[in-house]
Structure formats: structure tokens, C-alpha cells
Amino acid sequence: MIYKVYYQENVLEVPVRENTKSMYVEAGSEREVRQLLKGRNFNIELIQLLEGKHLEHEQASPHFELVKA
């Protein structure tokens, strides 16, 4: 399964929408995604499962780069 993770790069800063970044992670569950990112200093805002047309749309983006668990 592929998840889109919305995050802030610094856990100590107040989240600001304009500074939100995203990454795509291939993992078996949301829990695996959180474990993978646990050592990074990220403030995770949302982890969203991508499926169907939504996944196809994201894969068509030039910014789509998959991180594997």
C-alpha cells in the first residue's frame, strides 16, 4: 500500500500550511509508516492511504518519489 505523509520538517516549529511537505511511502500499514519515520525529526500532520484514481493522479505528478519501508 502507498501512503502520502504530510509533515513539517521541524517538530519544534508551529505547523504552517505553507511549510507543509509531503512524501510517499510504501508500507503494509500506517503503523509501519510511523515506525519508518520515527527516527526523523518530523511533525507528522496526516498519513493518508492512496488508492484507485487518487493514487493514479499522484503517480502522474513529477514530484512522485516513493520511499519503501
PDB file of N, CA and C in Angstrom:
ATOM      1  N   MET A   1       0.837  -1.167   0.000  1.00  0.00           N
ATOM      2  CA  MET A   1       0.000   0.000   0.000  1.00  0.00           C
ATOM      3  C   MET A   1       0.896   1.248   0.000  1.00  0.00           C
ATOM      4  N   ILE A   2       0.369   2.284  -0.589  1.00  0.00           N
ATOM      5  CA  ILE A   2       1.117   3.537  -0.681  1.00  0.00           C
ATOM      6  C   ILE A   2       0.390   4.608   0.126  1.00  0.00           C
ATOM      7  N   TYR A   3       1.166   5.287   0.957  1.00  0.00           N
ATOM      8  CA  TYR A   3       0.637   6.328   1.825  1.00  0.00           C
ATOM      9  C   TYR A   3       1.284   7.655   1.476  1.00  0.00           C
ATOM     10  N   LYS A   4       0.503   8.718   1.593  1.00  0.00           N
ATOM     11  CA  LYS A   4       1.032  10.071   1.443  1.00  0.00           C
ATOM     12  C   LYS A   4       1.126  10.656   2.843  1.00  0.00           C
ATOM     13  N   VAL A   5       2.318  11.134   3.192  1.00  0.00           N
ATOM     14  CA  VAL A   5       2.570  11.678   4.521  1.00  0.00           C
ATOM     15  C   VAL A   5       2.756  13.183   4.401  1.00  0.00           C
ATOM     16  N   TYR A   6       1.928  13.922   5.121  1.00  0.00           N
ATOM     17  CA  TYR A   6       2.062  15.378   5.199  1.00  0.00           C
ATOM     18  C   TYR A   6       2.804  15.685   6.493  1.00  0.00           C
ATOM     19  N   TYR A   7       3.846  16.504   6.396  1.00  0.00           N
ATOM     20  CA  TYR A   7       4.665  16.741   7.580  1.00  0.00           C
ATOM     21  C   TYR A   7       5.329  18.110   7.543  1.00  0.00           C
ATOM     22  N   GLN A   8       5.792  18.525   8.719  1.00  0.00           N
ATOM     23  CA  GLN A   8       6.640  19.700   8.880  1.00  0.00           C
ATOM     24  C   GLN A   8       8.038  19.176   9.176  1.00  0.00           C
ATOM     25  N   GLU A   9       9.058  19.800   8.662  1.00  0.00           N
ATOM     26  CA  GLU A   9      10.419  19.296   8.830  1.00  0.00           C
ATOM     27  C   GLU A   9      10.962  19.453  10.245  1.00  0.00           C
ATOM     28  N   ASN A  10      10.429  20.384  11.011  1.00  0.00           N
ATOM     29  CA  ASN A  10      10.951  20.610  12.360  1.00  0.00           C
ATOM     30  C   ASN A  10       9.830  20.427  13.371  1.00  0.00           C
ATOM     31  N   VAL A  11       9.997  19.457  14.250  1.00  0.00           N
ATOM     32  CA  VAL A  11       8.965  19.146  15.241  1.00  0.00           C
ATOM     33  C   VAL A  11       8.770  20.277  16.248  1.00  0.00           C
ATOM     34  N   LEU A  12       9.735  21.161  16.385  1.00  0.00           N
ATOM     35  CA  LEU A  12       9.659  22.236  17.365  1.00  0.00           C
ATOM     36  C   LEU A  12       8.929  23.477  16.859  1.00  0.00           C
ATOM     37  N   GLU A  13       8.699  23.580  15.557  1.00  0.00           N
ATOM     38  CA  GLU A  13       8.021  24.746  15.000  1.00  0.00           C
ATOM     39  C   GLU A  13       6.510  24.531  14.946  1.00  0.00           C
ATOM     40  N   VAL A  14       5.795  25.629  15.027  1.00  0.00           N
ATOM     41  CA  VAL A  14       4.343  25.582  14.895  1.00  0.00           C
ATOM     42  C   VAL A  14       4.010  25.246  13.442  1.00  0.00           C
ATOM     43  N   PRO A  15       3.108  24.272  13.196  1.00  0.00           N
ATOM     44  CA  PRO A  15       2.756  23.920  11.824  1.00  0.00           C
ATOM     45  C   PRO A  15       2.131  25.095  11.065  1.00  0.00           C
ATOM     46  N   VAL A  16       2.643  25.343   9.880  1.00  0.00           N
ATOM     47  CA  VAL A  16       2.127  26.372   8.989  1.00  0.00           C
ATOM     48  C   VAL A  16       1.875  25.698   7.642  1.00  0.00           C
ATOM     49  N   ARG A  17       0.684  25.869   7.111  1.00  0.00           N
ATOM     50  CA  ARG A  17       0.299  25.169   5.892  1.00  0.00           C
ATOM     51  C   ARG A  17       1.292  25.387   4.746  1.00  0.00           C
ATOM     52  N   GLU A  18       1.805  26.596   4.624  1.00  0.00           N
ATOM     53  CA  GLU A  18       2.728  26.900   3.535  1.00  0.00           C
ATOM     54  C   GLU A  18       4.053  26.135   3.662  1.00  0.00           C
ATOM     55  N   ASN A  19       4.378  25.668   4.849  1.00  0.00           N
ATOM     56  CA  ASN A  19       5.614  24.916   5.065  1.00  0.00           C
ATOM     57  C   ASN A  19       5.405  23.404   5.076  1.00  0.00           C
ATOM     58  N   THR A  20       4.183  22.967   4.857  1.00  0.00           N
ATOM     59  CA  THR A  20       3.894  21.535   4.872  1.00  0.00           C
ATOM     60  C   THR A  20       4.505  20.881   3.643  1.00  0.00           C
ATOM     61  N   LYS A  21       5.181  19.776   3.870  1.00  0.00           N
ATOM     62  CA  LYS A  21       5.773  18.988   2.788  1.00  0.00           C
ATOM     63  C   LYS A  21       5.078  17.644   2.752  1.00  0.00           C
ATOM     64  N   SER A  22       5.329  16.891   1.690  1.00  0.00           N
ATOM     65  CA  SER A  22       4.728  15.563   1.608  1.00  0.00           C
ATOM     66  C   SER A  22       5.722  14.577   1.023  1.00  0.00           C
ATOM     67  N   MET A  23       5.503  13.320   1.376  1.00  0.00           N
ATOM     68  CA  MET A  23       6.303  12.231   0.819  1.00  0.00           C
ATOM     69  C   MET A  23       5.390  11.034   0.656  1.00  0.00           C
ATOM     70  N   TYR A  24       5.801  10.129  -0.208  1.00  0.00           N
ATOM     71  CA  TYR A  24       5.033   8.929  -0.477  1.00  0.00           C
ATOM     72  C   TYR A  24       5.808   7.734   0.059  1.00  0.00           C
ATOM     73  N   VAL A  25       5.118   6.911   0.836  1.00  0.00           N
ATOM     74  CA  VAL A  25       5.778   5.785   1.486  1.00  0.00           C
ATOM     75  C   VAL A  25       5.020   4.507   1.161  1.00  0.00           C
ATOM     76  N   GLU A  26       5.762   3.479   0.757  1.00  0.00           N
ATOM     77  CA  GLU A  26       5.165   2.164   0.535  1.00  0.00           C
ATOM     78  C   GLU A  26       5.371   1.336   1.796  1.00  0.00           C
ATOM     79  N   ALA A  27       4.271   0.906   2.392  1.00  0.00           N
ATOM     80  CA  ALA A  27       4.329   0.128   3.629  1.00  0.00           C
ATOM     81  C   ALA A  27       3.050  -0.697   3.752  1.00  0.00           C
ATOM     82  N   GLY A  28       3.068  -1.644   4.669  1.00  0.00           N
ATOM     83  CA  GLY A  28       1.921  -2.518   4.871  1.00  0.00           C
ATOM     84  C   GLY A  28       0.814  -1.898   5.700  1.00  0.00           C
ATOM     85  N   SER A  29       1.148  -0.873   6.504  1.00  0.00           N
ATOM     86  CA  SER A  29       0.149  -0.241   7.361  1.00  0.00           C
ATOM     87  C   SER A  29       0.620   1.154   7.761  1.00  0.00           C
ATOM     88  N   GLU A  30      -0.308   1.914   8.327  1.00  0.00           N
ATOM     89  CA  GLU A  30       0.049   3.247   8.821  1.00  0.00           C
ATOM     90  C   GLU A  30       1.068   3.127   9.954  1.00  0.00           C
ATOM     91  N   ARG A  31       0.927   2.092  10.742  1.00  0.00           N
ATOM     92  CA  ARG A  31       1.871   1.862  11.844  1.00  0.00           C
ATOM     93  C   ARG A  31       3.302   1.689  11.317  1.00  0.00           C
ATOM     94  N   GLU A  32       3.466   0.950  10.209  1.00  0.00           N
ATOM     95  CA  GLU A  32       4.792   0.771   9.603  1.00  0.00           C
ATOM     96  C   GLU A  32       5.358   2.100   9.118  1.00  0.00           C
ATOM     97  N   VAL A  33       4.498   2.945   8.570  1.00  0.00           N
ATOM     98  CA  VAL A  33       4.936   4.272   8.118  1.00  0.00           C
ATOM     99  C   VAL A  33       5.467   5.066   9.300  1.00  0.00           C
ATOM    100  N   ARG A  34       4.723   5.068  10.397  1.00  0.00           N
ATOM    101  CA  ARG A  34       5.154   5.803  11.596  1.00  0.00           C
ATOM    102  C   ARG A  34       6.469   5.249  12.137  1.00  0.00           C
ATOM    103  N   GLN A  35       6.633   3.921  12.113  1.00  0.00           N
ATOM    104  CA  GLN A  35       7.880   3.311  12.578  1.00  0.00           C
ATOM    105  C   GLN A  35       9.053   3.733  11.693  1.00  0.00           C
ATOM    106  N   LEU A  36       8.829   3.769  10.379  1.00  0.00           N
ATOM    107  CA  LEU A  36       9.863   4.163   9.440  1.00  0.00           C
ATOM    108  C   LEU A  36      10.325   5.598   9.678  1.00  0.00           C
ATOM    109  N   LEU A  37       9.390   6.474   9.994  1.00  0.00           N
ATOM    110  CA  LEU A  37       9.698   7.895  10.162  1.00  0.00           C
ATOM    111  C   LEU A  37      10.019   8.273  11.602  1.00  0.00           C
ATOM    112  N   LYS A  38       9.977   7.326  12.496  1.00  0.00           N
ATOM    113  CA  LYS A  38      10.158   7.580  13.926  1.00  0.00           C
ATOM    114  C   LYS A  38      11.473   8.288  14.251  1.00  0.00           C
ATOM    115  N   GLY A  39      12.555   7.918  13.606  1.00  0.00           N
ATOM    116  CA  GLY A  39      13.855   8.499  13.909  1.00  0.00           C
ATOM    117  C   GLY A  39      14.085   9.881  13.329  1.00  0.00           C
ATOM    118  N   ARG A  40      13.211  10.324  12.467  1.00  0.00           N
ATOM    119  CA  ARG A  40      13.367  11.650  11.859  1.00  0.00           C
ATOM    120  C   ARG A  40      12.701  12.688  12.746  1.00  0.00           C
ATOM    121  N   ASN A  41      13.148  13.902  12.661  1.00  0.00           N
ATOM    122  CA  ASN A  41      12.623  14.980  13.486  1.00  0.00           C
ATOM    123  C   ASN A  41      11.448  15.671  12.788  1.00  0.00           C
ATOM    124  N   PHE A  42      10.445  14.877  12.381  1.00  0.00           N
ATOM    125  CA  PHE A  42       9.291  15.392  11.647  1.00  0.00           C
ATOM    126  C   PHE A  42       8.103  15.574  12.577  1.00  0.00           C
ATOM    127  N   ASN A  43       7.284  16.558  12.259  1.00  0.00           N
ATOM    128  CA  ASN A  43       5.978  16.716  12.879  1.00  0.00           C
ATOM    129  C   ASN A  43       4.968  16.208  11.845  1.00  0.00           C
ATOM    130  N   ILE A  44       4.516  14.986  12.010  1.00  0.00           N
ATOM    131  CA  ILE A  44       3.594  14.377  11.049  1.00  0.00           C
ATOM    132  C   ILE A  44       2.193  14.931  11.278  1.00  0.00           C
ATOM    133  N   GLU A  45       1.628  15.516  10.228  1.00  0.00           N
ATOM    134  CA  GLU A  45       0.282  16.074  10.310  1.00  0.00           C
ATOM    135  C   GLU A  45      -0.769  15.038   9.939  1.00  0.00           C
ATOM    136  N   LEU A  46      -0.510  14.277   8.868  1.00  0.00           N
ATOM    137  CA  LEU A  46      -1.515  13.343   8.362  1.00  0.00           C
ATOM    138  C   LEU A  46      -0.831  12.244   7.565  1.00  0.00           C
ATOM    139  N   ILE A  47      -1.331  11.035   7.709  1.00  0.00           N
ATOM    140  CA  ILE A  47      -0.900   9.913   6.866  1.00  0.00           C
ATOM    141  C   ILE A  47      -2.149   9.426   6.151  1.00  0.00           C
ATOM    142  N   GLN A  48      -2.128   9.507   4.827  1.00  0.00           N
ATOM    143  CA  GLN A  48      -3.306   9.225   4.015  1.00  0.00           C
ATOM    144  C   GLN A  48      -3.033   8.048   3.088  1.00  0.00           C
ATOM    145  N   LEU A  49      -3.891   7.034   3.137  1.00  0.00           N
ATOM    146  CA  LEU A  49      -3.785   5.892   2.228  1.00  0.00           C
ATOM    147  C   LEU A  49      -4.234   6.325   0.841  1.00  0.00           C
ATOM    148  N   LEU A  50      -3.428   6.017  -0.171  1.00  0.00           N
ATOM    149  CA  LEU A  50      -3.778   6.356  -1.547  1.00  0.00           C
ATOM    150  C   LEU A  50      -4.235   5.097  -2.269  1.00  0.00           C
ATOM    151  N   GLU A  51      -5.374   5.173  -2.933  1.00  0.00           N
ATOM    152  CA  GLU A  51      -5.924   4.044  -3.679  1.00  0.00           C
ATOM    153  C   GLU A  51      -6.607   4.538  -4.947  1.00  0.00           C
ATOM    154  N   GLY A  52      -6.761   3.657  -5.897  1.00  0.00           N
ATOM    155  CA  GLY A  52      -7.556   3.917  -7.087  1.00  0.00           C
ATOM    156  C   GLY A  52      -7.120   5.141  -7.876  1.00  0.00           C
ATOM    157  N   LYS A  53      -8.110   5.944  -8.262  1.00  0.00           N
ATOM    158  CA  LYS A  53      -7.871   7.136  -9.091  1.00  0.00           C
ATOM    159  C   LYS A  53      -6.986   8.156  -8.375  1.00  0.00           C
ATOM    160  N   HIS A  54      -7.144   8.258  -7.072  1.00  0.00           N
ATOM    161  CA  HIS A  54      -6.320   9.198  -6.307  1.00  0.00           C
ATOM    162  C   HIS A  54      -4.852   8.809  -6.404  1.00  0.00           C
ATOM    163  N   LEU A  55      -4.554   7.523  -6.281  1.00  0.00           N
ATOM    164  CA  LEU A  55      -3.180   7.036  -6.409  1.00  0.00           C
ATOM    165  C   LEU A  55      -2.657   7.280  -7.826  1.00  0.00           C
ATOM    166  N   GLU A  56      -3.470   6.993  -8.837  1.00  0.00           N
ATOM    167  CA  GLU A  56      -3.053   7.222 -10.226  1.00  0.00           C
ATOM    168  C   GLU A  56      -2.720   8.693 -10.460  1.00  0.00           C
ATOM    169  N   HIS A  57      -3.534   9.579  -9.906  1.00  0.00           N
ATOM    170  CA  HIS A  57      -3.302  11.013 -10.052  1.00  0.00           C
ATOM    171  C   HIS A  57      -1.974  11.420  -9.407  1.00  0.00           C
ATOM    172  N   GLU A  58      -1.722  10.936  -8.208  1.00  0.00           N
ATOM    173  CA  GLU A  58      -0.475  11.262  -7.504  1.00  0.00           C
ATOM    174  C   GLU A  58       0.740  10.698  -8.244  1.00  0.00           C
ATOM    175  N   GLN A  59       0.624   9.497  -8.798  1.00  0.00           N
ATOM    176  CA  GLN A  59       1.739   8.877  -9.521  1.00  0.00           C
ATOM    177  C   GLN A  59       2.075   9.639 -10.797  1.00  0.00           C
ATOM    178  N   ALA A  60       1.116  10.351 -11.353  1.00  0.00           N
ATOM    179  CA  ALA A  60       1.343  11.128 -12.572  1.00  0.00           C
ATOM    180  C   ALA A  60       2.114  12.420 -12.284  1.00  0.00           C
ATOM    181  N   SER A  61       2.198  12.799 -11.031  1.00  0.00           N
ATOM    182  CA  SER A  61       2.898  14.023 -10.645  1.00  0.00           C
ATOM    183  C   SER A  61       4.403  13.858 -10.824  1.00  0.00           C
ATOM    184  N   PRO A  62       5.088  14.900 -11.301  1.00  0.00           N
ATOM    185  CA  PRO A  62       6.555  14.811 -11.433  1.00  0.00           C
ATOM    186  C   PRO A  62       7.261  14.754 -10.076  1.00  0.00           C
ATOM    187  N   HIS A  63       6.551  15.062  -9.002  1.00  0.00           N
ATOM    188  CA  HIS A  63       7.132  15.052  -7.658  1.00  0.00           C
ATOM    189  C   HIS A  63       6.952  13.720  -6.937  1.00  0.00           C
ATOM    190  N   PHE A  64       6.363  12.743  -7.628  1.00  0.00           N
ATOM    191  CA  PHE A  64       6.115  11.452  -7.005  1.00  0.00           C
ATOM    192  C   PHE A  64       7.413  10.661  -6.882  1.00  0.00           C
ATOM    193  N   GLU A  65       7.854  10.471  -5.647  1.00  0.00           N
ATOM    194  CA  GLU A  65       9.059   9.689  -5.372  1.00  0.00           C
ATOM    195  C   GLU A  65       8.734   8.788  -4.183  1.00  0.00           C
ATOM    196  N   LEU A  66       8.825   7.501  -4.390  1.00  0.00           N
ATOM    197  CA  LEU A  66       8.383   6.522  -3.404  1.00  0.00           C
ATOM    198  C   LEU A  66       9.507   6.121  -2.463  1.00  0.00           C
ATOM    199  N   VAL A  67       9.201   6.144  -1.152  1.00  0.00           N
ATOM    200  CA  VAL A  67      10.108   5.668  -0.115  1.00  0.00           C
ATOM    201  C   VAL A  67       9.557   4.324   0.335  1.00  0.00           C
ATOM    202  N   LYS A  68      10.404   3.292   0.370  1.00  0.00           N
ATOM    203  CA  LYS A  68       9.931   1.961   0.762  1.00  0.00           C
ATOM    204  C   LYS A  68      10.312   1.655   2.195  1.00  0.00           C
ATOM    205  N   ALA A  69       9.377   1.034   2.895  1.00  0.00           N
ATOM    206  CA  ALA A  69       9.595   0.669   4.306  1.00  0.00           C
ATOM    207  C   ALA A  69      10.552  -0.504   4.404  1.00  0.00           C
TER     208      ALA A  69
END
